PDB file of N, CA and C in Angstrom:
ATOM      1  N   MET A   1      -4.722  10.293   7.247  1.00  0.00           N
ATOM      2  CA  MET A   1      -3.545  10.341   6.445  1.00  0.00           C
ATOM      3  C   MET A   1      -2.373  10.874   7.173  1.00  0.00           C
ATOM      4  N   LYS A   2      -2.602  11.718   8.130  1.00  0.00           N
ATOM      5  CA  LYS A   2      -1.617  12.312   8.957  1.00  0.00           C
ATOM      6  C   LYS A   2      -0.813  11.231   9.692  1.00  0.00           C
ATOM      7  N   ASN A   3      -1.499  10.203  10.203  1.00  0.00           N
ATOM      8  CA  ASN A   3      -0.791   9.094  10.926  1.00  0.00           C
ATOM      9  C   ASN A   3       0.108   8.344   9.974  1.00  0.00           C
ATOM     10  N   ILE A   4      -0.297   8.187   8.691  1.00  0.00           N
ATOM     11  CA  ILE A   4       0.488   7.424   7.734  1.00  0.00           C
ATOM     12  C   ILE A   4       1.723   8.247   7.395  1.00  0.00           C
ATOM     13  N   VAL A   5       1.590   9.568   7.172  1.00  0.00           N
ATOM     14  CA  VAL A   5       2.686  10.443   6.915  1.00  0.00           C
ATOM     15  C   VAL A   5       3.704  10.456   8.109  1.00  0.00           C
ATOM     16  N   GLU A   6       3.142  10.513   9.331  1.00  0.00           N
ATOM     17  CA  GLU A   6       4.126  10.533  10.474  1.00  0.00           C
ATOM     18  C   GLU A   6       4.724   9.136  10.617  1.00  0.00           C
ATOM     19  N   PHE A   7       4.140   8.049  10.479  1.00  0.00           N
ATOM     20  CA  PHE A   7       4.680   6.768  10.467  1.00  0.00           C
ATOM     21  C   PHE A   7       5.777   6.582   9.471  1.00  0.00           C
ATOM     22  N   LEU A   8       5.513   6.861   8.208  1.00  0.00           N
ATOM     23  CA  LEU A   8       6.461   6.673   7.116  1.00  0.00           C
ATOM     24  C   LEU A   8       7.641   7.633   7.273  1.00  0.00           C
ATOM     25  N   SER A   9       7.437   8.778   7.825  1.00  0.00           N
ATOM     26  CA  SER A   9       8.648   9.720   7.961  1.00  0.00           C
ATOM     27  C   SER A   9       9.580   9.171   8.972  1.00  0.00           C
ATOM     28  N   LYS A  10       9.148   8.418   9.827  1.00  0.00           N
ATOM     29  CA  LYS A  10      10.088   7.753  10.816  1.00  0.00           C
ATOM     30  C   LYS A  10      10.863   6.592  10.081  1.00  0.00           C
ATOM     31  N   LYS A  11      10.359   6.054   8.965  1.00  0.00           N
ATOM     32  CA  LYS A  11      10.957   5.059   8.193  1.00  0.00           C
ATOM     33  C   LYS A  11      11.727   5.690   7.038  1.00  0.00           C
ATOM     34  N   ASN A  12      11.941   6.961   7.075  1.00  0.00           N
ATOM     35  CA  ASN A  12      12.700   7.764   6.087  1.00  0.00           C
ATOM     36  C   ASN A  12      12.031   7.842   4.721  1.00  0.00           C
ATOM     37  N   TYR A  13      10.678   7.890   4.715  1.00  0.00           N
ATOM     38  CA  TYR A  13       9.879   8.219   3.458  1.00  0.00           C
ATOM     39  C   TYR A  13       9.317   9.550   3.685  1.00  0.00           C
ATOM     40  N   ILE A  14       9.743  10.535   2.922  1.00  0.00           N
ATOM     41  CA  ILE A  14       9.293  11.859   2.870  1.00  0.00           C
ATOM     42  C   ILE A  14       8.613  12.227   1.614  1.00  0.00           C
ATOM     43  N   PHE A  15       7.408  12.730   1.564  1.00  0.00           N
ATOM     44  CA  PHE A  15       6.691  12.876   0.331  1.00  0.00           C
ATOM     45  C   PHE A  15       6.545  14.369   0.119  1.00  0.00           C
ATOM     46  N   LYS A  16       6.625  14.664  -1.258  1.00  0.00           N
ATOM     47  CA  LYS A  16       6.344  16.048  -1.679  1.00  0.00           C
ATOM     48  C   LYS A  16       4.845  16.140  -1.954  1.00  0.00           C
ATOM     49  N   VAL A  17       4.256  15.004  -2.485  1.00  0.00           N
ATOM     50  CA  VAL A  17       2.868  14.860  -2.722  1.00  0.00           C
ATOM     51  C   VAL A  17       2.316  13.549  -2.269  1.00  0.00           C
ATOM     52  N   LEU A  18       1.178  13.504  -1.593  1.00  0.00           N
ATOM     53  CA  LEU A  18       0.593  12.246  -1.200  1.00  0.00           C
ATOM     54  C   LEU A  18      -0.982  12.353  -1.409  1.00  0.00           C
ATOM     55  N   LEU A  19      -1.580  11.524  -2.268  1.00  0.00           N
ATOM     56  CA  LEU A  19      -2.914  11.636  -2.622  1.00  0.00           C
ATOM     57  C   LEU A  19      -3.671  10.361  -2.314  1.00  0.00           C
ATOM     58  N   LYS A  20      -4.875  10.355  -1.874  1.00  0.00           N
ATOM     59  CA  LYS A  20      -5.656   9.188  -1.613  1.00  0.00           C
ATOM     60  C   LYS A  20      -6.362   8.803  -2.991  1.00  0.00           C
ATOM     61  N   ILE A  21      -6.284   7.570  -3.349  1.00  0.00           N
ATOM     62  CA  ILE A  21      -6.946   7.103  -4.608  1.00  0.00           C
ATOM     63  C   ILE A  21      -8.276   6.421  -4.233  1.00  0.00           C
ATOM     64  N   ASP A  22      -9.243   6.720  -5.009  1.00  0.00           N
ATOM     65  CA  ASP A  22     -10.625   6.063  -4.784  1.00  0.00           C
ATOM     66  C   ASP A  22     -10.577   4.752  -5.446  1.00  0.00           C
ATOM     67  N   LEU A  23     -10.861   3.755  -4.656  1.00  0.00           N
ATOM     68  CA  LEU A  23     -10.872   2.352  -5.182  1.00  0.00           C
ATOM     69  C   LEU A  23     -11.917   2.191  -6.269  1.00  0.00           C
ATOM     70  N   LYS A  24     -12.920   2.992  -6.313  1.00  0.00           N
ATOM     71  CA  LYS A  24     -14.039   2.859  -7.299  1.00  0.00           C
ATOM     72  C   LYS A  24     -13.493   3.076  -8.642  1.00  0.00           C
ATOM     73  N   LEU A  25     -12.441   3.838  -8.774  1.00  0.00           N
ATOM     74  CA  LEU A  25     -11.759   4.089 -10.103  1.00  0.00           C
ATOM     75  C   LEU A  25     -11.256   2.794 -10.619  1.00  0.00           C
ATOM     76  N   LEU A  26     -10.806   1.835  -9.740  1.00  0.00           N
ATOM     77  CA  LEU A  26     -10.247   0.588 -10.073  1.00  0.00           C
ATOM     78  C   LEU A  26     -11.251  -0.559 -10.131  1.00  0.00           C
ATOM     79  N   GLY A  27     -12.431  -0.241  -9.834  1.00  0.00           N
ATOM     80  CA  GLY A  27     -13.561  -1.205  -9.959  1.00  0.00           C
ATOM     81  C   GLY A  27     -13.544  -2.102  -8.752  1.00  0.00           C
ATOM     82  N   SER A  28     -12.990  -1.616  -7.648  1.00  0.00           N
ATOM     83  CA  SER A  28     -12.938  -2.402  -6.332  1.00  0.00           C
ATOM     84  C   SER A  28     -13.870  -1.883  -5.267  1.00  0.00           C
ATOM     85  N   ARG A  29     -14.333  -2.808  -4.473  1.00  0.00           N
ATOM     86  CA  ARG A  29     -15.170  -2.434  -3.340  1.00  0.00           C
ATOM     87  C   ARG A  29     -14.480  -2.745  -2.010  1.00  0.00           C
ATOM     88  N   LYS A  30     -13.266  -3.134  -2.125  1.00  0.00           N
ATOM     89  CA  LYS A  30     -12.425  -3.537  -0.923  1.00  0.00           C
ATOM     90  C   LYS A  30     -12.342  -2.388   0.052  1.00  0.00           C
ATOM     91  N   LYS A  31     -12.205  -2.738   1.308  1.00  0.00           N
ATOM     92  CA  LYS A  31     -12.035  -1.737   2.455  1.00  0.00           C
ATOM     93  C   LYS A  31     -10.612  -1.554   2.722  1.00  0.00           C
ATOM     94  N   ILE A  32      -9.861  -0.957   1.854  1.00  0.00           N
ATOM     95  CA  ILE A  32      -8.470  -0.674   2.112  1.00  0.00           C
ATOM     96  C   ILE A  32      -8.149   0.681   1.739  1.00  0.00           C
ATOM     97  N   GLY A  33      -7.129   1.214   2.246  1.00  0.00           N
ATOM     98  CA  GLY A  33      -6.629   2.586   1.852  1.00  0.00           C
ATOM     99  C   GLY A  33      -5.620   2.497   0.784  1.00  0.00           C
ATOM    100  N   LEU A  34      -5.739   3.232  -0.234  1.00  0.00           N
ATOM    101  CA  LEU A  34      -4.734   3.244  -1.349  1.00  0.00           C
ATOM    102  C   LEU A  34      -4.251   4.688  -1.569  1.00  0.00           C
ATOM    103  N   PHE A  35      -2.966   4.892  -1.455  1.00  0.00           N
ATOM    104  CA  PHE A  35      -2.387   6.209  -1.624  1.00  0.00           C
ATOM    105  C   PHE A  35      -1.375   6.268  -2.622  1.00  0.00           C
ATOM    106  N   GLU A  36      -1.185   7.390  -3.321  1.00  0.00           N
ATOM    107  CA  GLU A  36      -0.064   7.533  -4.318  1.00  0.00           C
ATOM    108  C   GLU A  36       0.736   8.841  -3.891  1.00  0.00           C
ATOM    109  N   GLY A  37       2.074   8.580  -3.960  1.00  0.00           N
ATOM    110  CA  GLY A  37       2.898   9.721  -3.538  1.00  0.00           C
ATOM    111  C   GLY A  37       4.128   9.883  -4.413  1.00  0.00           C
ATOM    112  N   VAL A  38       4.652  11.068  -4.336  1.00  0.00           N
ATOM    113  CA  VAL A  38       5.954  11.313  -4.901  1.00  0.00           C
ATOM    114  C   VAL A  38       6.909  11.709  -3.798  1.00  0.00           C
ATOM    115  N   ASP A  39       8.018  10.979  -3.673  1.00  0.00           N
ATOM    116  CA  ASP A  39       9.007  11.262  -2.611  1.00  0.00           C
ATOM    117  C   ASP A  39       9.882  12.437  -3.082  1.00  0.00           C
ATOM    118  N   THR A  40      10.835  12.715  -2.210  1.00  0.00           N
ATOM    119  CA  THR A  40      11.733  13.829  -2.407  1.00  0.00           C
ATOM    120  C   THR A  40      12.753  13.582  -3.583  1.00  0.00           C
ATOM    121  N   LYS A  41      12.886  12.317  -3.974  1.00  0.00           N
ATOM    122  CA  LYS A  41      13.767  11.967  -5.042  1.00  0.00           C
ATOM    123  C   LYS A  41      12.985  11.942  -6.302  1.00  0.00           C
ATOM    124  N   SER A  42      11.657  12.272  -6.299  1.00  0.00           N
ATOM    125  CA  SER A  42      10.790  12.247  -7.499  1.00  0.00           C
ATOM    126  C   SER A  42      10.467  10.780  -7.904  1.00  0.00           C
ATOM    127  N   ASN A  43      10.543   9.862  -7.010  1.00  0.00           N
ATOM    128  CA  ASN A  43      10.097   8.497  -7.260  1.00  0.00           C
ATOM    129  C   ASN A  43       8.643   8.405  -6.964  1.00  0.00           C
ATOM    130  N   TYR A  44       7.889   7.657  -7.744  1.00  0.00           N
ATOM    131  CA  TYR A  44       6.441   7.449  -7.460  1.00  0.00           C
ATOM    132  C   TYR A  44       6.388   6.253  -6.541  1.00  0.00           C
ATOM    133  N   VAL A  45       5.518   6.388  -5.498  1.00  0.00           N
ATOM    134  CA  VAL A  45       5.335   5.378  -4.497  1.00  0.00           C
ATOM    135  C   VAL A  45       3.822   5.131  -4.280  1.00  0.00           C
ATOM    136  N   THR A  46       3.515   3.892  -4.160  1.00  0.00           N
ATOM    137  CA  THR A  46       2.148   3.500  -3.784  1.00  0.00           C
ATOM    138  C   THR A  46       2.070   2.877  -2.440  1.00  0.00           C
ATOM    139  N   ILE A  47       1.036   3.184  -1.728  1.00  0.00           N
ATOM    140  CA  ILE A  47       0.885   2.714  -0.306  1.00  0.00           C
ATOM    141  C   ILE A  47      -0.519   2.042  -0.210  1.00  0.00           C
ATOM    142  N   PHE A  48      -0.438   0.804   0.218  1.00  0.00           N
ATOM    143  CA  PHE A  48      -1.692   0.120   0.555  1.00  0.00           C
ATOM    144  C   PHE A  48      -1.784   0.004   2.053  1.00  0.00           C
ATOM    145  N   LYS A  49      -2.896   0.457   2.617  1.00  0.00           N
ATOM    146  CA  LYS A  49      -3.129   0.343   4.050  1.00  0.00           C
ATOM    147  C   LYS A  49      -4.314  -0.548   4.325  1.00  0.00           C
ATOM    148  N   ILE A  50      -3.978  -1.673   4.976  1.00  0.00           N
ATOM    149  CA  ILE A  50      -4.970  -2.734   5.205  1.00  0.00           C
ATOM    150  C   ILE A  50      -5.237  -2.875   6.701  1.00  0.00           C
ATOM    151  N   ASP A  51      -6.562  -2.739   7.042  1.00  0.00           N
ATOM    152  CA  ASP A  51      -7.064  -2.902   8.408  1.00  0.00           C
ATOM    153  C   ASP A  51      -8.040  -3.971   8.349  1.00  0.00           C
ATOM    154  N   GLN A  52      -7.776  -5.210   8.725  1.00  0.00           N
ATOM    155  CA  GLN A  52      -8.713  -6.360   8.800  1.00  0.00           C
ATOM    156  C   GLN A  52      -8.425  -7.168  10.108  1.00  0.00           C
ATOM    157  N   LYS A  53      -9.341  -7.939  10.497  1.00  0.00           N
ATOM    158  CA  LYS A  53      -9.304  -8.737  11.666  1.00  0.00           C
ATOM    159  C   LYS A  53      -8.688 -10.118  11.378  1.00  0.00           C
ATOM    160  N   SER A  54      -8.959 -10.614  10.109  1.00  0.00           N
ATOM    161  CA  SER A  54      -8.499 -11.927   9.762  1.00  0.00           C
ATOM    162  C   SER A  54      -7.113 -11.912   9.229  1.00  0.00           C
ATOM    163  N   ARG A  55      -6.512 -13.080   9.145  1.00  0.00           N
ATOM    164  CA  ARG A  55      -5.137 -13.200   8.742  1.00  0.00           C
ATOM    165  C   ARG A  55      -5.044 -12.739   7.244  1.00  0.00           C
ATOM    166  N   PHE A  56      -4.014 -12.053   6.904  1.00  0.00           N
ATOM    167  CA  PHE A  56      -3.666 -11.821   5.495  1.00  0.00           C
ATOM    168  C   PHE A  56      -2.865 -12.888   4.894  1.00  0.00           C
ATOM    169  N   VAL A  57      -3.500 -13.500   3.909  1.00  0.00           N
ATOM    170  CA  VAL A  57      -2.953 -14.720   3.272  1.00  0.00           C
ATOM    171  C   VAL A  57      -2.594 -14.445   1.834  1.00  0.00           C
ATOM    172  N   THR A  58      -1.973 -15.417   1.134  1.00  0.00           N
ATOM    173  CA  THR A  58      -1.404 -15.256  -0.175  1.00  0.00           C
ATOM    174  C   THR A  58      -2.524 -14.855  -1.116  1.00  0.00           C
ATOM    175  N   LYS A  59      -3.767 -15.243  -0.921  1.00  0.00           N
ATOM    176  CA  LYS A  59      -4.922 -14.800  -1.777  1.00  0.00           C
ATOM    177  C   LYS A  59      -4.978 -13.346  -1.711  1.00  0.00           C
ATOM    178  N   ASN A  60      -4.951 -12.799  -0.539  1.00  0.00           N
ATOM    179  CA  ASN A  60      -5.085 -11.256  -0.382  1.00  0.00           C
ATOM    180  C   ASN A  60      -3.909 -10.562  -1.022  1.00  0.00           C
ATOM    181  N   ALA A  61      -2.673 -11.209  -0.976  1.00  0.00           N
ATOM    182  CA  ALA A  61      -1.487 -10.612  -1.520  1.00  0.00           C
ATOM    183  C   ALA A  61      -1.665 -10.557  -3.097  1.00  0.00           C
ATOM    184  N   LYS A  62      -2.249 -11.594  -3.667  1.00  0.00           N
ATOM    185  CA  LYS A  62      -2.454 -11.537  -5.129  1.00  0.00           C
ATOM    186  C   LYS A  62      -3.474 -10.581  -5.515  1.00  0.00           C
ATOM    187  N   GLU A  63      -4.481 -10.356  -4.660  1.00  0.00           N
ATOM    188  CA  GLU A  63      -5.536  -9.391  -4.883  1.00  0.00           C
ATOM    189  C   GLU A  63      -4.872  -7.953  -4.953  1.00  0.00           C
ATOM    190  N   ILE A  64      -4.013  -7.661  -4.007  1.00  0.00           N
ATOM    191  CA  ILE A  64      -3.405  -6.311  -4.041  1.00  0.00           C
ATOM    192  C   ILE A  64      -2.468  -6.083  -5.213  1.00  0.00           C
ATOM    193  N   GLU A  65      -1.843  -7.315  -5.615  1.00  0.00           N
ATOM    194  CA  GLU A  65      -1.077  -7.043  -6.814  1.00  0.00           C
ATOM    195  C   GLU A  65      -1.931  -6.873  -8.048  1.00  0.00           C
ATOM    196  N   GLU A  66      -3.118  -7.427  -8.104  1.00  0.00           N
ATOM    197  CA  GLU A  66      -4.097  -7.146  -9.237  1.00  0.00           C
ATOM    198  C   GLU A  66      -4.539  -5.761  -9.175  1.00  0.00           C
ATOM    199  N   LEU A  67      -4.791  -5.164  -7.955  1.00  0.00           N
ATOM    200  CA  LEU A  67      -5.141  -3.742  -7.836  1.00  0.00           C
ATOM    201  C   LEU A  67      -4.040  -2.863  -8.265  1.00  0.00           C
ATOM    202  N   LEU A  68      -2.827  -3.281  -7.915  1.00  0.00           N
ATOM    203  CA  LEU A  68      -1.643  -2.422  -8.361  1.00  0.00           C
ATOM    204  C   LEU A  68      -1.607  -2.402  -9.858  1.00  0.00           C
ATOM    205  N   ALA A  69      -1.782  -3.515 -10.526  1.00  0.00           N
ATOM    206  CA  ALA A  69      -1.736  -3.593 -11.980  1.00  0.00           C
ATOM    207  C   ALA A  69      -2.813  -2.691 -12.618  1.00  0.00           C
ATOM    208  N   LYS A  70      -3.934  -2.700 -11.993  1.00  0.00           N
ATOM    209  CA  LYS A  70      -5.043  -1.769 -12.509  1.00  0.00           C
ATOM    210  C   LYS A  70      -4.650  -0.304 -12.329  1.00  0.00           C
ATOM    211  N   LEU A  71      -4.044  -0.048 -11.117  1.00  0.00           N
ATOM    212  CA  LEU A  71      -3.632   1.374 -10.904  1.00  0.00           C
ATOM    213  C   LEU A  71      -2.539   1.786 -11.857  1.00  0.00           C
ATOM    214  N   ILE A  72      -1.591   0.977 -12.162  1.00  0.00           N
ATOM    215  CA  ILE A  72      -0.521   1.290 -13.134  1.00  0.00           C
ATOM    216  C   ILE A  72      -1.199   1.449 -14.499  1.00  0.00           C
ATOM    217  N   LYS A  73      -2.173   0.738 -14.852  1.00  0.00           N
ATOM    218  CA  LYS A  73      -2.792   0.963 -16.202  1.00  0.00           C
ATOM    219  C   LYS A  73      -3.614   2.315 -16.146  1.00  0.00           C
ATOM    220  N   LEU A  74      -4.276   2.571 -15.069  1.00  0.00           N
ATOM    221  CA  LEU A  74      -5.076   3.774 -14.983  1.00  0.00           C
ATOM    222  C   LEU A  74      -4.169   5.063 -14.938  1.00  0.00           C
ATOM    223  N   LYS A  75      -3.116   4.938 -14.225  1.00  0.00           N
ATOM    224  CA  LYS A  75      -2.275   6.147 -14.083  1.00  0.00           C
ATOM    225  C   LYS A  75      -1.229   6.231 -15.177  1.00  0.00           C
ATOM    226  N   GLN A  76      -0.983   5.152 -15.970  1.00  0.00           N
ATOM    227  CA  GLN A  76      -0.043   5.094 -17.065  1.00  0.00           C
ATOM    228  C   GLN A  76       1.359   5.353 -16.556  1.00  0.00           C
ATOM    229  N   HIS A  77       1.697   4.888 -15.435  1.00  0.00           N
ATOM    230  CA  HIS A  77       3.180   4.888 -15.058  1.00  0.00           C
ATOM    231  C   HIS A  77       3.413   3.848 -13.992  1.00  0.00           C
ATOM    232  N   ASN A  78       4.616   3.409 -13.841  1.00  0.00           N
ATOM    233  CA  ASN A  78       4.945   2.417 -12.890  1.00  0.00           C
ATOM    234  C   ASN A  78       5.420   3.043 -11.534  1.00  0.00           C
ATOM    235  N   TYR A  79       5.412   2.309 -10.505  1.00  0.00           N
ATOM    236  CA  TYR A  79       5.763   2.770  -9.189  1.00  0.00           C
ATOM    237  C   TYR A  79       7.088   2.160  -8.791  1.00  0.00           C
ATOM    238  N   LYS A  80       8.025   3.104  -8.357  1.00  0.00           N
ATOM    239  CA  LYS A  80       9.345   2.699  -8.001  1.00  0.00           C
ATOM    240  C   LYS A  80       9.332   1.842  -6.694  1.00  0.00           C
ATOM    241  N   LYS A  81       8.486   2.397  -5.781  1.00  0.00           N
ATOM    242  CA  LYS A  81       8.378   1.738  -4.387  1.00  0.00           C
ATOM    243  C   LYS A  81       6.934   1.359  -4.119  1.00  0.00           C
ATOM    244  N   LYS A  82       6.732   0.200  -3.483  1.00  0.00           N
ATOM    245  CA  LYS A  82       5.483  -0.317  -3.073  1.00  0.00           C
ATOM    246  C   LYS A  82       5.475  -0.577  -1.623  1.00  0.00           C
ATOM    247  N   ILE A  83       4.554  -0.047  -0.871  1.00  0.00           N
ATOM    248  CA  ILE A  83       4.516  -0.133   0.618  1.00  0.00           C
ATOM    249  C   ILE A  83       3.219  -0.715   1.003  1.00  0.00           C
ATOM    250  N   LEU A  84       3.296  -1.634   1.918  1.00  0.00           N
ATOM    251  CA  LEU A  84       2.085  -2.281   2.534  1.00  0.00           C
ATOM    252  C   LEU A  84       2.094  -2.007   4.028  1.00  0.00           C
ATOM    253  N   LEU A  85       1.132  -1.261   4.479  1.00  0.00           N
ATOM    254  CA  LEU A  85       0.933  -1.009   5.880  1.00  0.00           C
ATOM    255  C   LEU A  85      -0.248  -1.928   6.317  1.00  0.00           C
ATOM    256  N   ILE A  86       0.055  -2.791   7.321  1.00  0.00           N
ATOM    257  CA  ILE A  86      -0.871  -3.788   7.637  1.00  0.00           C
ATOM    258  C   ILE A  86      -1.038  -3.976   9.156  1.00  0.00           C
ATOM    259  N   SER A  87      -2.277  -4.093   9.601  1.00  0.00           N
ATOM    260  CA  SER A  87      -2.472  -4.198  11.079  1.00  0.00           C
ATOM    261  C   SER A  87      -2.932  -5.610  11.479  1.00  0.00           C
ATOM    262  N   SER A  88      -3.177  -6.422  10.466  1.00  0.00           N
ATOM    263  CA  SER A  88      -3.689  -7.785  10.837  1.00  0.00           C
ATOM    264  C   SER A  88      -2.483  -8.799  10.776  1.00  0.00           C
ATOM    265  N   PRO A  89      -2.608  -9.956  11.309  1.00  0.00           N
ATOM    266  CA  PRO A  89      -1.581 -10.952  11.220  1.00  0.00           C
ATOM    267  C   PRO A  89      -1.272 -11.281   9.835  1.00  0.00           C
ATOM    268  N   LEU A  90      -0.008 -11.527   9.551  1.00  0.00           N
ATOM    269  CA  LEU A  90       0.491 -11.760   8.157  1.00  0.00           C
ATOM    270  C   LEU A  90       1.029 -13.153   7.993  1.00  0.00           C
ATOM    271  N   CYS A  91       0.502 -13.899   7.006  1.00  0.00           N
ATOM    272  CA  CYS A  91       0.907 -15.214   6.742  1.00  0.00           C
ATOM    273  C   CYS A  91       2.299 -15.212   6.185  1.00  0.00           C
ATOM    274  N   SER A  92       3.066 -16.116   6.619  1.00  0.00           N
ATOM    275  CA  SER A  92       4.515 -16.110   6.141  1.00  0.00           C
ATOM    276  C   SER A  92       4.698 -16.340   4.700  1.00  0.00           C
ATOM    277  N   LYS A  93       3.809 -17.104   4.058  1.00  0.00           N
ATOM    278  CA  LYS A  93       3.869 -17.297   2.660  1.00  0.00           C
ATOM    279  C   LYS A  93       3.492 -16.022   1.895  1.00  0.00           C
ATOM    280  N   ALA A  94       2.481 -15.350   2.400  1.00  0.00           N
ATOM    281  CA  ALA A  94       2.100 -14.020   1.794  1.00  0.00           C
ATOM    282  C   ALA A  94       3.205 -13.013   1.920  1.00  0.00           C
ATOM    283  N   LYS A  95       3.819 -12.981   3.007  1.00  0.00           N
ATOM    284  CA  LYS A  95       4.922 -12.056   3.201  1.00  0.00           C
ATOM    285  C   LYS A  95       6.140 -12.353   2.259  1.00  0.00           C
ATOM    286  N   LYS A  96       6.421 -13.601   2.105  1.00  0.00           N
ATOM    287  CA  LYS A  96       7.558 -13.987   1.233  1.00  0.00           C
ATOM    288  C   LYS A  96       7.129 -13.701  -0.229  1.00  0.00           C
ATOM    289  N   TYR A  97       5.903 -13.935  -0.592  1.00  0.00           N
ATOM    290  CA  TYR A  97       5.378 -13.632  -1.954  1.00  0.00           C
ATOM    291  C   TYR A  97       5.623 -12.128  -2.303  1.00  0.00           C
ATOM    292  N   LEU A  98       5.234 -11.284  -1.365  1.00  0.00           N
ATOM    293  CA  LEU A  98       5.256  -9.837  -1.630  1.00  0.00           C
ATOM    294  C   LEU A  98       6.706  -9.320  -1.566  1.00  0.00           C
ATOM    295  N   GLU A  99       7.510  -9.876  -0.616  1.00  0.00           N
ATOM    296  CA  GLU A  99       8.856  -9.543  -0.638  1.00  0.00           C
ATOM    297  C   GLU A  99       9.626  -9.837  -1.851  1.00  0.00           C
ATOM    298  N   GLU A 100       9.308 -10.969  -2.497  1.00  0.00           N
ATOM    299  CA  GLU A 100       9.858 -11.391  -3.808  1.00  0.00           C
ATOM    300  C   GLU A 100       9.468 -10.300  -4.893  1.00  0.00           C
ATOM    301  N   LEU A 101       8.367  -9.721  -4.760  1.00  0.00           N
ATOM    302  CA  LEU A 101       7.885  -8.706  -5.711  1.00  0.00           C
ATOM    303  C   LEU A 101       8.288  -7.261  -5.293  1.00  0.00           C
ATOM    304  N   LYS A 102       9.314  -7.222  -4.386  1.00  0.00           N
ATOM    305  CA  LYS A 102       9.860  -5.952  -3.989  1.00  0.00           C
ATOM    306  C   LYS A 102       8.929  -5.023  -3.203  1.00  0.00           C
ATOM    307  N   TRP A 103       8.044  -5.612  -2.441  1.00  0.00           N
ATOM    308  CA  TRP A 103       7.185  -4.742  -1.540  1.00  0.00           C
ATOM    309  C   TRP A 103       7.940  -4.538  -0.227  1.00  0.00           C
ATOM    310  N   LYS A 104       7.693  -3.306   0.349  1.00  0.00           N
ATOM    311  CA  LYS A 104       8.138  -3.017   1.691  1.00  0.00           C
ATOM    312  C   LYS A 104       6.967  -3.309   2.633  1.00  0.00           C
ATOM    313  N   ILE A 105       7.098  -4.101   3.659  1.00  0.00           N
ATOM    314  CA  ILE A 105       5.939  -4.437   4.527  1.00  0.00           C
ATOM    315  C   ILE A 105       6.153  -3.930   5.845  1.00  0.00           C
ATOM    316  N   TYR A 106       5.329  -3.106   6.357  1.00  0.00           N
ATOM    317  CA  TYR A 106       5.352  -2.583   7.760  1.00  0.00           C
ATOM    318  C   TYR A 106       4.052  -2.993   8.475  1.00  0.00           C
ATOM    319  N   GLU A 107       4.323  -3.776   9.557  1.00  0.00           N
ATOM    320  CA  GLU A 107       3.162  -4.127  10.453  1.00  0.00           C
ATOM    321  C   GLU A 107       2.929  -2.960  11.502  1.00  0.00           C
ATOM    322  N   ASN A 108       1.851  -2.456  11.448  1.00  0.00           N
ATOM    323  CA  ASN A 108       1.579  -1.333  12.345  1.00  0.00           C
ATOM    324  C   ASN A 108       0.165  -1.380  13.011  1.00  0.00           C
ATOM    325  N   ARG A 109      -0.063  -0.545  13.861  1.00  0.00           N
ATOM    326  CA  ARG A 109      -1.464  -0.493  14.588  1.00  0.00           C
ATOM    327  C   ARG A 109      -1.982   0.898  14.345  1.00  0.00           C
ATOM    328  N   LEU A 110      -1.799   1.482  13.247  1.00  0.00           N
ATOM    329  CA  LEU A 110      -2.300   2.782  12.992  1.00  0.00           C
ATOM    330  C   LEU A 110      -3.863   2.740  12.775  1.00  0.00           C
ATOM    331  N   LYS A 111      -4.603   3.625  13.405  1.00  0.00           N
ATOM    332  CA  LYS A 111      -5.988   3.680  13.170  1.00  0.00           C
ATOM    333  C   LYS A 111      -6.197   5.057  12.414  1.00  0.00           C
ATOM    334  N   ASP A 112      -6.671   5.013  11.198  1.00  0.00           N
ATOM    335  CA  ASP A 112      -6.873   6.155  10.428  1.00  0.00           C
ATOM    336  C   ASP A 112      -8.119   6.112   9.567  1.00  0.00           C
ATOM    337  N   GLU A 113      -8.412   7.181   8.823  1.00  0.00           N
ATOM    338  CA  GLU A 113      -9.616   7.156   8.104  1.00  0.00           C
ATOM    339  C   GLU A 113      -9.514   6.283   6.812  1.00  0.00           C
ATOM    340  N   GLY A 114      -8.328   6.036   6.345  1.00  0.00           N
ATOM    341  CA  GLY A 114      -8.218   5.261   5.011  1.00  0.00           C
ATOM    342  C   GLY A 114      -7.424   4.147   5.060  1.00  0.00           C
TER     343      GLY A 114
END
């Protein structure tokens, strides 16, 4: 999580609180990191960290949107900012799809526990 905080602080995201969310609470077995944070302006932020070797395609983008919907329902509040940290190649259609839904996408090579 330290690597994520350092990376995002360089992108001007400073958090008062940052928590890791267990995907089992959402009924998922995916191997992704899911974090919830509150920034210094008291906005709720969700961070999805994906480390996979295969290309991230539109199907994957729709899956993380479904996970976000479950998270919103579980936590009973919406998220002002949505961030995707991804280390795999990103399909242009998936990128366009997420950008239309107001996601911030950062391609990185962070190796972390979550």
